[in-house]
Amino acid sequence: MADLENARIYVGGMYSPQATAWLALSDADATKTLVTATRYLDRLPWDGTATHLLDGQPTTLQWPRSGVIVNGVEIDPLTVPVEITEATYELAVLIAAKPGLVSQADQGSNLKRAGGGGAPEVEFFAPTSAARGTASTLPYVVLQLVGKFLASPSDDFDGGISGAGNTSSAFRRCRQLNLVGPE
């Protein structure tokens, strides 16, 4: 798990209201967000195999892992990649700002535009969904950091992660769509 001192250093370099709010948390509350972020990330389908050793000590955490290859290079099976630690910090800040984030089904949306010109207005488009493979279960900043370490979905994997790992486009499974204009 990420330690509080290093988390405060990392988050201290961020410029956002959420980072400022996280830095103002008590040590106990900041630690809770780190624990929650660690638990959330630990449940993801990672590539490779957990070594169950961290700094030579037994651990139940999913990192470090063996057999993880990124861009043709094997990741050191004795260490946790910096991206995983940074993702934990980023997710902790997001959790402090929105505690329900980790219980959301996905990060999808169907809202295109809201409000405008003084009159209430909402415009929607086709919704995205993790279950359909069109949305991620992870906030974008976290997915950018950890996506390359995630396992590729197999035929029996029931989705949940889009755009991560060694995935292929789902468009090949779609039927032909025709655009229909006004007559």
N, C-alpha and C. Protein backbone atom coordinates (compact mmCIF):
# COMPACT_ATOMS: atom_id res chain seq x y z
N MET A 1 0.83 -1.18 0.00
CA MET A 1 0.00 0.00 0.00
C MET A 1 0.88 1.25 0.00
N ALA A 2 0.37 2.29 -0.61
CA ALA A 2 1.06 3.58 -0.68
C ALA A 2 1.16 4.19 0.72
N ASP A 3 2.31 4.81 1.00
CA ASP A 3 2.45 5.41 2.33
C ASP A 3 2.02 6.87 2.31
N LEU A 4 1.57 7.35 3.45
CA LEU A 4 0.98 8.68 3.57
C LEU A 4 1.97 9.80 3.27
N GLU A 5 3.20 9.68 3.74
CA GLU A 5 4.18 10.74 3.52
C GLU A 5 4.44 10.96 2.02
N ASN A 6 4.68 9.88 1.29
CA ASN A 6 4.91 10.01 -0.15
C ASN A 6 3.65 10.46 -0.88
N ALA A 7 2.49 10.04 -0.40
CA ALA A 7 1.24 10.50 -1.00
C ALA A 7 1.09 12.00 -0.85
N ARG A 8 1.39 12.53 0.32
CA ARG A 8 1.29 13.98 0.54
C ARG A 8 2.27 14.75 -0.36
N ILE A 9 3.45 14.20 -0.60
CA ILE A 9 4.42 14.84 -1.49
C ILE A 9 3.88 14.85 -2.93
N TYR A 10 3.37 13.70 -3.38
CA TYR A 10 2.85 13.60 -4.74
C TYR A 10 1.65 14.53 -4.93
N VAL A 11 0.69 14.45 -4.03
CA VAL A 11 -0.53 15.27 -4.15
C VAL A 11 -0.20 16.75 -3.98
N GLY A 12 0.83 17.05 -3.20
CA GLY A 12 1.26 18.44 -3.02
C GLY A 12 1.70 19.09 -4.32
N GLY A 13 2.08 18.30 -5.29
CA GLY A 13 2.47 18.82 -6.59
C GLY A 13 1.33 18.97 -7.57
N MET A 14 0.13 18.57 -7.16
CA MET A 14 -1.05 18.68 -8.02
C MET A 14 -1.69 20.05 -7.82
N TYR A 15 -2.29 20.57 -8.87
CA TYR A 15 -3.00 21.84 -8.78
C TYR A 15 -4.47 21.60 -9.07
N SER A 16 -5.24 21.43 -8.03
CA SER A 16 -6.69 21.25 -8.18
C SER A 16 -7.35 21.44 -6.82
N PRO A 17 -8.61 21.83 -6.82
CA PRO A 17 -9.32 21.97 -5.55
C PRO A 17 -9.41 20.64 -4.80
N GLN A 18 -9.52 19.53 -5.55
CA GLN A 18 -9.60 18.22 -4.91
C GLN A 18 -8.30 17.88 -4.20
N ALA A 19 -7.17 18.21 -4.81
CA ALA A 19 -5.87 17.95 -4.18
C ALA A 19 -5.72 18.79 -2.92
N THR A 20 -6.11 20.05 -3.00
CA THR A 20 -6.04 20.93 -1.83
C THR A 20 -6.90 20.38 -0.69
N ALA A 21 -8.09 19.91 -1.03
CA ALA A 21 -8.99 19.35 -0.02
C ALA A 21 -8.39 18.08 0.58
N TRP A 22 -7.77 17.23 -0.26
CA TRP A 22 -7.16 16.00 0.25
C TRP A 22 -6.02 16.31 1.21
N LEU A 23 -5.20 17.30 0.87
CA LEU A 23 -4.08 17.68 1.73
C LEU A 23 -4.54 18.21 3.07
N ALA A 24 -5.76 18.74 3.13
CA ALA A 24 -6.31 19.26 4.38
C ALA A 24 -6.91 18.17 5.27
N LEU A 25 -7.02 16.95 4.76
CA LEU A 25 -7.57 15.85 5.56
C LEU A 25 -6.64 15.51 6.72
N SER A 26 -7.22 14.98 7.78
CA SER A 26 -6.41 14.47 8.88
C SER A 26 -5.62 13.27 8.37
N ASP A 27 -4.56 12.91 9.07
CA ASP A 27 -3.77 11.74 8.67
C ASP A 27 -4.66 10.49 8.61
N ALA A 28 -5.57 10.36 9.58
CA ALA A 28 -6.43 9.17 9.62
C ALA A 28 -7.34 9.12 8.39
N ASP A 29 -7.95 10.25 8.03
CA ASP A 29 -8.85 10.26 6.88
C ASP A 29 -8.09 10.10 5.56
N ALA A 30 -6.93 10.73 5.45
CA ALA A 30 -6.12 10.58 4.23
C ALA A 30 -5.69 9.12 4.07
N THR A 31 -5.32 8.49 5.18
CA THR A 31 -4.93 7.08 5.15
C THR A 31 -6.10 6.21 4.71
N LYS A 32 -7.31 6.54 5.16
CA LYS A 32 -8.50 5.77 4.74
C LYS A 32 -8.72 5.86 3.24
N THR A 33 -8.47 7.03 2.65
CA THR A 33 -8.64 7.14 1.20
C THR A 33 -7.59 6.31 0.48
N LEU A 34 -6.38 6.25 1.03
CA LEU A 34 -5.32 5.43 0.42
C LEU A 34 -5.66 3.94 0.53
N VAL A 35 -6.19 3.54 1.66
CA VAL A 35 -6.60 2.13 1.84
C VAL A 35 -7.73 1.78 0.88
N THR A 36 -8.71 2.67 0.75
CA THR A 36 -9.83 2.43 -0.15
C THR A 36 -9.34 2.36 -1.60
N ALA A 37 -8.45 3.26 -1.99
CA ALA A 37 -7.90 3.24 -3.35
C ALA A 37 -7.12 1.96 -3.59
N THR A 38 -6.32 1.55 -2.62
CA THR A 38 -5.54 0.31 -2.75
C THR A 38 -6.46 -0.89 -2.91
N ARG A 39 -7.50 -0.97 -2.10
CA ARG A 39 -8.44 -2.09 -2.20
C ARG A 39 -9.13 -2.11 -3.56
N TYR A 40 -9.51 -0.94 -4.05
CA TYR A 40 -10.19 -0.85 -5.34
C TYR A 40 -9.26 -1.32 -6.46
N LEU A 41 -8.05 -0.80 -6.48
CA LEU A 41 -7.10 -1.20 -7.52
C LEU A 41 -6.71 -2.67 -7.40
N ASP A 42 -6.66 -3.17 -6.19
CA ASP A 42 -6.26 -4.56 -5.96
C ASP A 42 -7.25 -5.56 -6.57
N ARG A 43 -8.47 -5.12 -6.80
CA ARG A 43 -9.51 -6.01 -7.35
C ARG A 43 -9.51 -6.05 -8.88
N LEU A 44 -8.67 -5.25 -9.50
CA LEU A 44 -8.65 -5.22 -10.97
C LEU A 44 -7.99 -6.48 -11.53
N PRO A 45 -8.35 -6.82 -12.77
CA PRO A 45 -7.75 -8.00 -13.40
C PRO A 45 -6.37 -7.69 -13.99
N TRP A 46 -5.35 -7.82 -13.18
CA TRP A 46 -3.98 -7.49 -13.58
C TRP A 46 -3.37 -8.59 -14.42
N ASP A 47 -2.46 -8.20 -15.28
CA ASP A 47 -1.68 -9.15 -16.06
C ASP A 47 -0.67 -9.82 -15.13
N GLY A 48 -0.19 -10.97 -15.50
CA GLY A 48 0.82 -11.67 -14.69
C GLY A 48 0.25 -12.36 -13.47
N THR A 49 1.16 -12.69 -12.55
CA THR A 49 0.80 -13.44 -11.34
C THR A 49 1.35 -12.72 -10.11
N ALA A 50 0.51 -12.57 -9.10
CA ALA A 50 0.95 -11.92 -7.86
C ALA A 50 2.05 -12.75 -7.20
N THR A 51 3.11 -12.07 -6.75
CA THR A 51 4.20 -12.77 -6.07
C THR A 51 3.89 -13.00 -4.59
N HIS A 52 2.97 -12.22 -4.06
CA HIS A 52 2.58 -12.26 -2.64
C HIS A 52 3.75 -11.96 -1.73
N LEU A 53 4.72 -11.19 -2.25
CA LEU A 53 5.86 -10.71 -1.47
C LEU A 53 6.07 -9.24 -1.77
N LEU A 54 6.22 -8.44 -0.74
CA LEU A 54 6.50 -7.02 -0.89
C LEU A 54 7.64 -6.67 0.05
N ASP A 55 8.75 -6.22 -0.50
CA ASP A 55 9.95 -5.94 0.29
C ASP A 55 10.37 -7.16 1.12
N GLY A 56 10.24 -8.35 0.52
CA GLY A 56 10.64 -9.59 1.17
C GLY A 56 9.66 -10.11 2.21
N GLN A 57 8.55 -9.41 2.41
CA GLN A 57 7.56 -9.81 3.40
C GLN A 57 6.29 -10.31 2.70
N PRO A 58 5.61 -11.30 3.30
CA PRO A 58 4.37 -11.80 2.70
C PRO A 58 3.31 -10.69 2.64
N THR A 59 2.53 -10.68 1.56
CA THR A 59 1.45 -9.71 1.39
C THR A 59 0.30 -10.37 0.66
N THR A 60 -0.89 -9.86 0.90
CA THR A 60 -2.06 -10.32 0.16
C THR A 60 -2.35 -9.41 -1.03
N LEU A 61 -1.58 -8.33 -1.17
CA LEU A 61 -1.79 -7.39 -2.27
C LEU A 61 -1.41 -8.01 -3.62
N GLN A 62 -1.98 -7.48 -4.67
CA GLN A 62 -1.77 -8.00 -6.02
C GLN A 62 -0.46 -7.55 -6.66
N TRP A 63 0.21 -6.58 -6.09
CA TRP A 63 1.52 -6.14 -6.58
C TRP A 63 2.53 -6.29 -5.49
N PRO A 64 3.75 -6.67 -5.82
CA PRO A 64 4.39 -6.93 -7.11
C PRO A 64 3.84 -8.18 -7.80
N ARG A 65 4.09 -8.25 -9.12
CA ARG A 65 3.62 -9.36 -9.95
C ARG A 65 4.74 -9.83 -10.86
N SER A 66 4.69 -11.11 -11.18
CA SER A 66 5.65 -11.66 -12.14
C SER A 66 4.93 -11.90 -13.46
N GLY A 67 5.71 -11.95 -14.54
CA GLY A 67 5.14 -12.25 -15.84
C GLY A 67 4.40 -11.08 -16.49
N VAL A 68 4.65 -9.86 -16.03
CA VAL A 68 4.02 -8.69 -16.63
C VAL A 68 5.00 -8.09 -17.64
N ILE A 69 4.57 -8.06 -18.89
CA ILE A 69 5.43 -7.54 -19.96
C ILE A 69 4.75 -6.34 -20.59
N VAL A 70 5.45 -5.21 -20.61
CA VAL A 70 4.93 -3.98 -21.20
C VAL A 70 5.92 -3.52 -22.26
N ASN A 71 5.42 -3.34 -23.47
CA ASN A 71 6.27 -2.93 -24.60
C ASN A 71 7.48 -3.84 -24.77
N GLY A 72 7.27 -5.14 -24.58
CA GLY A 72 8.33 -6.11 -24.78
C GLY A 72 9.32 -6.23 -23.63
N VAL A 73 9.12 -5.49 -22.56
CA VAL A 73 10.03 -5.51 -21.41
C VAL A 73 9.29 -6.06 -20.19
N GLU A 74 9.92 -7.04 -19.53
CA GLU A 74 9.30 -7.60 -18.32
C GLU A 74 9.48 -6.64 -17.16
N ILE A 75 8.37 -6.41 -16.44
CA ILE A 75 8.39 -5.54 -15.26
C ILE A 75 9.03 -6.30 -14.11
N ASP A 76 9.88 -5.63 -13.35
CA ASP A 76 10.57 -6.25 -12.21
C ASP A 76 9.55 -6.88 -11.27
N PRO A 77 9.63 -8.20 -11.07
CA PRO A 77 8.64 -8.88 -10.23
C PRO A 77 8.83 -8.66 -8.73
N LEU A 78 9.83 -7.88 -8.35
CA LEU A 78 10.08 -7.62 -6.93
C LEU A 78 9.64 -6.23 -6.50
N THR A 79 9.20 -5.40 -7.45
CA THR A 79 8.81 -4.03 -7.11
C THR A 79 7.44 -3.69 -7.66
N VAL A 80 6.85 -2.66 -7.09
CA VAL A 80 5.57 -2.14 -7.56
C VAL A 80 5.89 -1.00 -8.53
N PRO A 81 5.39 -1.07 -9.76
CA PRO A 81 5.66 0.02 -10.71
C PRO A 81 5.18 1.37 -10.16
N VAL A 82 5.92 2.41 -10.46
CA VAL A 82 5.59 3.75 -9.97
C VAL A 82 4.19 4.16 -10.43
N GLU A 83 3.78 3.71 -11.60
CA GLU A 83 2.45 4.06 -12.10
C GLU A 83 1.33 3.52 -11.20
N ILE A 84 1.54 2.36 -10.62
CA ILE A 84 0.54 1.78 -9.73
C ILE A 84 0.43 2.64 -8.46
N THR A 85 1.57 3.03 -7.93
CA THR A 85 1.57 3.88 -6.74
C THR A 85 0.94 5.24 -7.04
N GLU A 86 1.31 5.84 -8.16
CA GLU A 86 0.73 7.14 -8.54
C GLU A 86 -0.78 7.02 -8.76
N ALA A 87 -1.23 5.93 -9.36
CA ALA A 87 -2.66 5.72 -9.56
C ALA A 87 -3.38 5.64 -8.22
N THR A 88 -2.73 5.04 -7.24
CA THR A 88 -3.31 4.96 -5.89
C THR A 88 -3.49 6.36 -5.32
N TYR A 89 -2.48 7.22 -5.47
CA TYR A 89 -2.57 8.59 -4.97
C TYR A 89 -3.68 9.36 -5.70
N GLU A 90 -3.70 9.24 -7.02
CA GLU A 90 -4.72 9.94 -7.81
C GLU A 90 -6.13 9.49 -7.41
N LEU A 91 -6.30 8.18 -7.26
CA LEU A 91 -7.60 7.65 -6.88
C LEU A 91 -7.98 8.07 -5.47
N ALA A 92 -7.03 8.13 -4.55
CA ALA A 92 -7.32 8.58 -3.18
C ALA A 92 -7.88 10.00 -3.17
N VAL A 93 -7.30 10.88 -3.99
CA VAL A 93 -7.79 12.26 -4.08
C VAL A 93 -9.21 12.28 -4.63
N LEU A 94 -9.47 11.47 -5.66
CA LEU A 94 -10.81 11.41 -6.24
C LEU A 94 -11.83 10.83 -5.26
N ILE A 95 -11.41 9.85 -4.47
CA ILE A 95 -12.29 9.24 -3.48
C ILE A 95 -12.64 10.26 -2.39
N ALA A 96 -11.67 11.06 -1.96
CA ALA A 96 -11.94 12.08 -0.95
C ALA A 96 -12.97 13.08 -1.46
N ALA A 97 -12.89 13.42 -2.75
CA ALA A 97 -13.82 14.37 -3.34
C ALA A 97 -15.20 13.75 -3.58
N LYS A 98 -15.22 12.46 -3.88
CA LYS A 98 -16.48 11.78 -4.20
C LYS A 98 -16.40 10.34 -3.68
N PRO A 99 -16.74 10.13 -2.40
CA PRO A 99 -16.58 8.80 -1.79
C PRO A 99 -17.33 7.68 -2.52
N GLY A 100 -18.42 7.99 -3.19
CA GLY A 100 -19.18 6.96 -3.89
C GLY A 100 -18.54 6.50 -5.18
N LEU A 101 -17.45 7.11 -5.56
CA LEU A 101 -16.77 6.79 -6.82
C LEU A 101 -16.46 5.30 -6.94
N VAL A 102 -16.00 4.68 -5.88
CA VAL A 102 -15.60 3.27 -5.96
C VAL A 102 -16.78 2.30 -6.03
N SER A 103 -17.99 2.79 -5.78
CA SER A 103 -19.15 1.90 -5.88
C SER A 103 -19.94 2.13 -7.15
N GLN A 104 -19.48 3.05 -8.02
CA GLN A 104 -20.14 3.26 -9.30
C GLN A 104 -19.90 2.05 -10.18
N ALA A 105 -20.91 1.72 -10.98
CA ALA A 105 -20.78 0.59 -11.89
C ALA A 105 -19.75 0.86 -12.97
N ASP A 106 -19.71 2.11 -13.44
CA ASP A 106 -18.72 2.49 -14.45
C ASP A 106 -18.61 4.00 -14.50
N GLN A 107 -17.71 4.48 -15.34
CA GLN A 107 -17.50 5.91 -15.49
C GLN A 107 -18.22 6.44 -16.73
N GLY A 108 -19.16 5.65 -17.25
CA GLY A 108 -19.88 6.03 -18.45
C GLY A 108 -20.91 7.11 -18.20
N SER A 109 -21.41 7.67 -19.29
CA SER A 109 -22.40 8.74 -19.22
C SER A 109 -23.15 8.78 -20.54
N ASN A 110 -24.31 9.40 -20.51
CA ASN A 110 -25.01 9.66 -21.76
C ASN A 110 -25.38 11.13 -21.87
N LEU A 111 -24.78 11.97 -21.06
CA LEU A 111 -25.04 13.40 -21.08
C LEU A 111 -24.09 14.08 -22.05
N LYS A 112 -24.66 14.76 -23.04
CA LYS A 112 -23.85 15.46 -24.03
C LYS A 112 -23.73 16.94 -23.66
N ARG A 113 -24.85 17.54 -23.23
CA ARG A 113 -24.85 18.96 -22.92
C ARG A 113 -25.96 19.23 -21.92
N ALA A 114 -25.71 20.14 -20.99
CA ALA A 114 -26.72 20.54 -20.01
C ALA A 114 -26.75 22.05 -19.93
N GLY A 115 -27.95 22.61 -19.89
CA GLY A 115 -28.12 24.05 -19.73
C GLY A 115 -27.70 24.84 -20.95
N GLY A 116 -27.99 26.11 -20.88
CA GLY A 116 -27.57 26.98 -21.97
C GLY A 116 -28.59 28.04 -22.27
N GLY A 117 -28.16 29.25 -22.47
CA GLY A 117 -29.03 30.33 -22.89
C GLY A 117 -30.12 30.71 -21.90
N GLY A 118 -30.00 30.37 -20.66
CA GLY A 118 -30.98 30.75 -19.65
C GLY A 118 -32.16 29.80 -19.52
N ALA A 119 -32.40 28.96 -20.51
CA ALA A 119 -33.51 28.01 -20.44
C ALA A 119 -32.96 26.63 -20.08
N PRO A 120 -33.70 25.87 -19.26
CA PRO A 120 -33.24 24.51 -18.95
C PRO A 120 -33.17 23.68 -20.22
N GLU A 121 -32.05 23.04 -20.40
CA GLU A 121 -31.84 22.24 -21.61
C GLU A 121 -30.90 21.10 -21.29
N VAL A 122 -31.24 19.89 -21.72
CA VAL A 122 -30.39 18.73 -21.56
C VAL A 122 -30.39 17.97 -22.88
N GLU A 123 -29.22 17.59 -23.33
CA GLU A 123 -29.11 16.80 -24.55
C GLU A 123 -28.36 15.52 -24.24
N PHE A 124 -28.89 14.39 -24.71
CA PHE A 124 -28.30 13.09 -24.45
C PHE A 124 -27.81 12.45 -25.75
N PHE A 125 -26.93 11.47 -25.63
CA PHE A 125 -26.50 10.67 -26.76
C PHE A 125 -26.50 9.23 -26.30
N ALA A 126 -26.12 8.31 -27.15
CA ALA A 126 -26.10 6.90 -26.79
C ALA A 126 -25.24 6.70 -25.55
N PRO A 127 -25.79 6.10 -24.51
CA PRO A 127 -25.03 5.95 -23.26
C PRO A 127 -23.85 4.98 -23.40
N THR A 128 -22.84 5.23 -22.59
CA THR A 128 -21.70 4.32 -22.52
C THR A 128 -21.87 3.44 -21.30
N SER A 129 -21.27 2.26 -21.34
CA SER A 129 -21.43 1.31 -20.26
C SER A 129 -20.24 0.36 -20.20
N ALA A 130 -19.73 0.12 -19.01
CA ALA A 130 -18.64 -0.83 -18.84
C ALA A 130 -19.08 -2.24 -19.21
N ALA A 131 -20.33 -2.56 -18.90
CA ALA A 131 -20.83 -3.89 -19.21
C ALA A 131 -20.82 -4.16 -20.71
N ARG A 132 -21.02 -3.11 -21.50
CA ARG A 132 -21.00 -3.26 -22.96
C ARG A 132 -19.61 -3.03 -23.54
N GLY A 133 -18.64 -2.64 -22.70
CA GLY A 133 -17.29 -2.41 -23.18
C GLY A 133 -17.10 -1.04 -23.79
N THR A 134 -18.04 -0.11 -23.54
CA THR A 134 -17.92 1.23 -24.11
C THR A 134 -17.57 2.28 -23.07
N ALA A 135 -17.31 1.86 -21.84
CA ALA A 135 -16.89 2.79 -20.79
C ALA A 135 -15.97 2.06 -19.83
N SER A 136 -15.17 2.79 -19.14
CA SER A 136 -14.23 2.22 -18.18
C SER A 136 -14.84 2.19 -16.79
N THR A 137 -14.37 1.28 -15.97
CA THR A 137 -14.74 1.29 -14.56
C THR A 137 -13.80 2.19 -13.78
N LEU A 138 -12.79 2.70 -14.44
CA LEU A 138 -11.78 3.53 -13.78
C LEU A 138 -11.86 4.98 -14.24
N PRO A 139 -11.61 5.91 -13.35
CA PRO A 139 -11.47 7.30 -13.80
C PRO A 139 -10.33 7.38 -14.82
N TYR A 140 -10.46 8.28 -15.78
CA TYR A 140 -9.53 8.35 -16.90
C TYR A 140 -8.08 8.51 -16.44
N VAL A 141 -7.81 9.38 -15.48
CA VAL A 141 -6.43 9.62 -15.04
C VAL A 141 -5.82 8.33 -14.47
N VAL A 142 -6.62 7.53 -13.80
CA VAL A 142 -6.14 6.26 -13.24
C VAL A 142 -5.91 5.25 -14.37
N LEU A 143 -6.83 5.19 -15.32
CA LEU A 143 -6.70 4.27 -16.44
C LEU A 143 -5.45 4.59 -17.26
N GLN A 144 -5.13 5.87 -17.42
CA GLN A 144 -3.92 6.25 -18.14
C GLN A 144 -2.68 5.66 -17.48
N LEU A 145 -2.67 5.61 -16.16
CA LEU A 145 -1.50 5.12 -15.43
C LEU A 145 -1.42 3.60 -15.41
N VAL A 146 -2.54 2.92 -15.22
CA VAL A 146 -2.48 1.47 -14.99
C VAL A 146 -2.92 0.61 -16.17
N GLY A 147 -3.49 1.22 -17.20
CA GLY A 147 -4.04 0.45 -18.31
C GLY A 147 -3.09 -0.56 -18.92
N LYS A 148 -1.83 -0.21 -19.03
CA LYS A 148 -0.85 -1.11 -19.66
C LYS A 148 -0.54 -2.34 -18.82
N PHE A 149 -0.93 -2.33 -17.55
CA PHE A 149 -0.67 -3.47 -16.67
C PHE A 149 -1.88 -4.39 -16.51
N LEU A 150 -3.01 -4.00 -17.07
CA LEU A 150 -4.22 -4.80 -16.92
C LEU A 150 -4.23 -5.98 -17.88
N ALA A 151 -4.85 -7.06 -17.42
CA ALA A 151 -4.96 -8.26 -18.25
C ALA A 151 -5.90 -7.99 -19.41
N SER A 152 -5.66 -8.65 -20.51
CA SER A 152 -6.54 -8.55 -21.66
C SER A 152 -7.78 -9.38 -21.40
N PRO A 153 -8.94 -8.86 -21.78
CA PRO A 153 -10.15 -9.66 -21.60
C PRO A 153 -10.08 -10.92 -22.44
N SER A 154 -10.51 -12.03 -21.86
CA SER A 154 -10.57 -13.29 -22.61
C SER A 154 -12.02 -13.51 -23.02
N ASP A 155 -12.28 -14.59 -23.72
CA ASP A 155 -13.64 -14.86 -24.18
C ASP A 155 -14.62 -15.03 -23.03
N ASP A 156 -14.15 -15.51 -21.88
CA ASP A 156 -15.06 -15.72 -20.76
C ASP A 156 -15.02 -14.58 -19.75
N PHE A 157 -14.27 -13.53 -20.04
CA PHE A 157 -14.19 -12.38 -19.15
C PHE A 157 -15.39 -11.48 -19.43
N ASP A 158 -16.12 -11.09 -18.38
CA ASP A 158 -17.35 -10.33 -18.54
C ASP A 158 -17.09 -8.83 -18.47
N GLY A 159 -16.12 -8.33 -19.21
CA GLY A 159 -15.92 -6.90 -19.38
C GLY A 159 -15.62 -6.14 -18.12
N GLY A 160 -15.90 -4.86 -18.15
CA GLY A 160 -15.67 -4.00 -17.02
C GLY A 160 -14.53 -3.03 -17.27
N ILE A 161 -13.62 -3.38 -18.12
CA ILE A 161 -12.51 -2.49 -18.42
C ILE A 161 -12.52 -2.25 -19.91
N SER A 162 -12.55 -1.01 -20.32
CA SER A 162 -12.46 -0.75 -21.75
C SER A 162 -11.21 0.04 -22.03
N GLY A 163 -10.59 -0.25 -23.13
CA GLY A 163 -9.42 0.48 -23.56
C GLY A 163 -8.17 0.17 -22.77
N ALA A 164 -8.14 -0.90 -22.03
CA ALA A 164 -6.96 -1.22 -21.23
C ALA A 164 -6.39 -2.55 -21.68
N GLY A 165 -5.16 -2.79 -21.32
CA GLY A 165 -4.52 -4.06 -21.67
C GLY A 165 -4.36 -4.17 -23.17
N ASN A 166 -4.35 -5.38 -23.66
CA ASN A 166 -4.16 -5.63 -25.08
C ASN A 166 -5.51 -5.96 -25.72
N THR A 167 -6.42 -5.00 -25.70
CA THR A 167 -7.77 -5.24 -26.19
C THR A 167 -7.88 -4.92 -27.66
N SER A 168 -8.95 -5.41 -28.28
CA SER A 168 -9.23 -5.07 -29.66
C SER A 168 -10.58 -4.37 -29.71
N SER A 169 -10.85 -3.71 -30.80
CA SER A 169 -12.08 -2.95 -30.94
C SER A 169 -13.30 -3.85 -30.94
N ALA A 170 -14.37 -3.36 -30.31
CA ALA A 170 -15.63 -4.09 -30.31
C ALA A 170 -16.44 -3.77 -31.56
N PHE A 171 -15.99 -2.83 -32.39
CA PHE A 171 -16.74 -2.43 -33.56
C PHE A 171 -16.91 -3.58 -34.55
N ARG A 172 -15.99 -4.51 -34.56
CA ARG A 172 -16.10 -5.60 -35.52
C ARG A 172 -17.33 -6.47 -35.25
N ARG A 173 -17.88 -6.41 -34.04
CA ARG A 173 -19.05 -7.20 -33.69
C ARG A 173 -20.35 -6.45 -33.98
N CYS A 174 -20.26 -5.17 -34.32
CA CYS A 174 -21.46 -4.36 -34.54
C CYS A 174 -22.04 -4.62 -35.92
N ARG A 175 -23.34 -4.47 -36.01
CA ARG A 175 -24.01 -4.56 -37.31
C ARG A 175 -23.80 -3.26 -38.07
N GLN A 176 -24.04 -3.32 -39.35
CA GLN A 176 -23.93 -2.12 -40.19
C GLN A 176 -24.92 -1.08 -39.69
N LEU A 177 -24.47 0.14 -39.51
CA LEU A 177 -25.33 1.24 -39.10
C LEU A 177 -25.49 2.19 -40.26
N ASN A 178 -26.70 2.66 -40.47
CA ASN A 178 -26.97 3.61 -41.54
C ASN A 178 -27.37 4.94 -40.93
N LEU A 179 -26.83 6.01 -41.47
CA LEU A 179 -27.22 7.34 -41.02
C LEU A 179 -28.51 7.72 -41.70
N VAL A 180 -29.41 8.27 -40.92
CA VAL A 180 -30.70 8.70 -41.47
C VAL A 180 -30.81 10.19 -41.25
N GLY A 181 -31.02 10.92 -42.31
CA GLY A 181 -31.15 12.37 -42.22
C GLY A 181 -32.58 12.79 -42.38
N PRO A 182 -32.84 14.08 -42.22
CA PRO A 182 -34.21 14.58 -42.38
C PRO A 182 -34.66 14.41 -43.84
N GLU A 183 -35.93 14.17 -44.01
CA GLU A 183 -36.47 13.98 -45.36
C GLU A 183 -37.06 15.24 -45.88
